[in-house]
Protein backbone atom coordinates (compact mmCIF):
# COMPACT_ATOMS: atom_id res chain seq x y z
CA UNK A 1 67.67 -34.28 -93.79
CA UNK A 2 71.10 -32.91 -92.98
CA UNK A 3 70.90 -30.52 -95.94
CA UNK A 4 67.54 -29.20 -94.71
CA UNK A 5 68.98 -28.56 -91.24
CA UNK A 6 71.92 -26.72 -92.79
CA UNK A 7 69.56 -24.56 -94.89
CA UNK A 8 67.47 -23.80 -91.81
CA UNK A 9 70.62 -22.85 -89.88
CA UNK A 10 71.64 -20.45 -92.66
CA UNK A 11 68.14 -18.97 -92.74
CA UNK A 12 67.95 -18.54 -88.95
CA UNK A 13 71.39 -16.98 -88.71
CA UNK A 14 70.78 -14.35 -91.37
CA UNK A 15 71.02 -10.84 -90.01
CA UNK A 16 67.48 -9.91 -90.95
CA UNK A 17 65.96 -12.83 -89.02
CA UNK A 18 68.03 -12.03 -85.93
CA UNK A 19 67.18 -8.33 -86.24
CA UNK A 20 63.50 -9.22 -86.44
CA UNK A 21 63.74 -11.39 -83.33
CA UNK A 22 65.48 -8.63 -81.39
CA UNK A 23 62.89 -6.13 -82.62
CA UNK A 24 60.05 -8.34 -81.42
CA UNK A 25 61.57 -8.76 -77.96
CA UNK A 26 62.18 -5.01 -77.65
CA UNK A 27 58.65 -4.33 -78.92
CA UNK A 28 57.14 -6.61 -76.29
CA UNK A 29 59.17 -4.93 -73.56
CA UNK A 30 58.18 -1.50 -74.88
CA UNK A 31 54.53 -2.57 -74.88
CA UNK A 32 54.79 -3.53 -71.23
CA UNK A 33 56.29 -0.15 -70.38
CA UNK A 34 53.53 1.66 -72.26
CA UNK A 35 50.88 -0.51 -70.59
CA UNK A 36 52.24 0.38 -67.19
CA UNK A 37 52.42 4.06 -68.11
CA UNK A 38 48.83 4.09 -69.33
CA UNK A 39 47.35 1.96 -66.54
CA UNK A 40 49.37 3.25 -63.61
CA UNK A 41 50.08 6.90 -64.46
CA UNK A 42 48.09 8.35 -67.36
CA UNK A 43 44.61 6.93 -66.81
CA UNK A 44 44.55 7.70 -63.06
CA UNK A 45 45.47 11.32 -63.87
CA UNK A 46 42.80 11.52 -66.58
CA UNK A 47 40.34 9.86 -64.21
CA UNK A 48 41.21 12.38 -61.53
CA UNK A 49 40.66 15.29 -63.93
CA UNK A 50 37.27 13.96 -65.03
CA UNK A 51 36.40 12.34 -61.67
CA UNK A 52 36.10 8.93 -63.36
CA UNK A 53 37.86 5.66 -62.63
CA UNK A 54 38.19 4.09 -66.07
CA UNK A 55 39.02 0.63 -64.75
CA UNK A 56 35.56 0.40 -63.17
CA UNK A 57 33.57 1.52 -66.20
CA UNK A 58 31.30 -1.27 -67.36
CA UNK A 59 27.76 -1.96 -68.41
CA UNK A 60 25.73 -5.13 -67.89
CA UNK A 61 23.64 -6.37 -70.81
CA UNK A 62 21.63 -9.57 -70.25
CA UNK A 63 23.93 -10.80 -67.49
CA UNK A 64 27.00 -10.05 -69.62
CA UNK A 65 29.53 -7.51 -68.37
CA UNK A 66 30.91 -5.21 -71.05
CA UNK A 67 34.04 -3.63 -69.60
CA UNK A 68 34.40 -0.58 -71.82
CA UNK A 69 36.79 1.11 -69.37
CA UNK A 70 39.42 -1.51 -70.18
CA UNK A 71 38.73 -0.92 -73.87
CA UNK A 72 39.34 2.82 -73.42
CA UNK A 73 42.63 2.09 -71.65
CA UNK A 74 43.70 -0.29 -74.43
CA UNK A 75 42.79 2.34 -77.03
CA UNK A 76 44.92 4.98 -75.29
CA UNK A 77 47.73 2.43 -75.03
CA UNK A 78 47.51 1.70 -78.75
CA UNK A 79 47.52 5.41 -79.66
CA UNK A 80 50.63 6.02 -77.57
CA UNK A 81 52.47 3.05 -79.10
CA UNK A 82 51.38 3.99 -82.63
CA UNK A 83 52.45 7.62 -82.17
CA UNK A 84 55.81 6.59 -80.70
CA UNK A 85 56.46 4.19 -83.58
CA UNK A 86 55.46 6.92 -86.04
CA UNK A 87 58.03 9.28 -84.51
CA UNK A 88 60.67 6.53 -84.52
CA UNK A 89 60.11 5.64 -88.18
CA UNK A 90 60.04 9.32 -89.12
CA UNK A 91 63.41 9.84 -87.41
CA UNK A 92 64.92 6.79 -89.13
CA UNK A 93 63.65 7.98 -92.53
CA UNK A 94 65.11 11.44 -91.93
CA UNK A 95 68.50 9.89 -91.13
CA UNK A 96 68.32 7.77 -94.30
CA UNK A 97 67.55 10.84 -96.41
CA UNK A 98 70.61 12.63 -94.99
CA UNK A 99 72.75 9.63 -95.92
CA UNK A 100 71.34 9.59 -99.47
CA UNK A 101 71.98 13.31 -100.00
CA UNK A 102 75.72 13.03 -99.40
CA UNK A 103 77.43 12.50 -102.74
CA UNK A 104 80.00 9.75 -102.67
CA UNK A 105 83.61 10.79 -103.26
CA UNK A 106 84.84 9.05 -106.41
CA UNK A 107 87.60 6.54 -105.84
CA UNK A 108 91.06 6.96 -107.32
CA UNK A 109 90.22 4.30 -109.91
CA UNK A 110 87.09 6.18 -111.02
CA UNK A 111 89.06 9.44 -111.26
CA UNK A 112 91.70 7.74 -113.39
CA UNK A 113 89.11 6.18 -115.67
CA UNK A 114 87.40 9.56 -116.05
CA UNK A 115 90.69 11.19 -117.02
CA UNK A 116 91.35 8.45 -119.57
CA UNK A 117 87.86 8.82 -121.01
CA UNK A 118 88.27 12.60 -121.25
CA UNK A 119 91.68 12.19 -122.93
CA UNK A 120 90.25 9.79 -125.49
CA UNK A 121 87.44 12.19 -126.32
CA UNK A 122 89.94 14.89 -127.21
């Protein structure tokens, strides 16, 4: 039992697990910000332009209310989050490519070994 707890502790304290947890918390907070932006700023402006209040859009089918205005708001929210994540991942990938392009300066040991190899070839 003690060994299992120790293994779990090692697993939970790995950097990737902690990074994932931090990413989830930040993602949830970002989702709340985007929700507020869509619900409180964007959709009222769009509604004003089209003279429609999206939060009140619904249809009743057999005594069942289908609130498609909320669905439209959620769709806009999703598109904003997806586009923002796309831009973020694209920026991260561009930074990784720049790092990969830089050739590494050979160490003194590598230079010495190269000189020795070249001398032996002669």
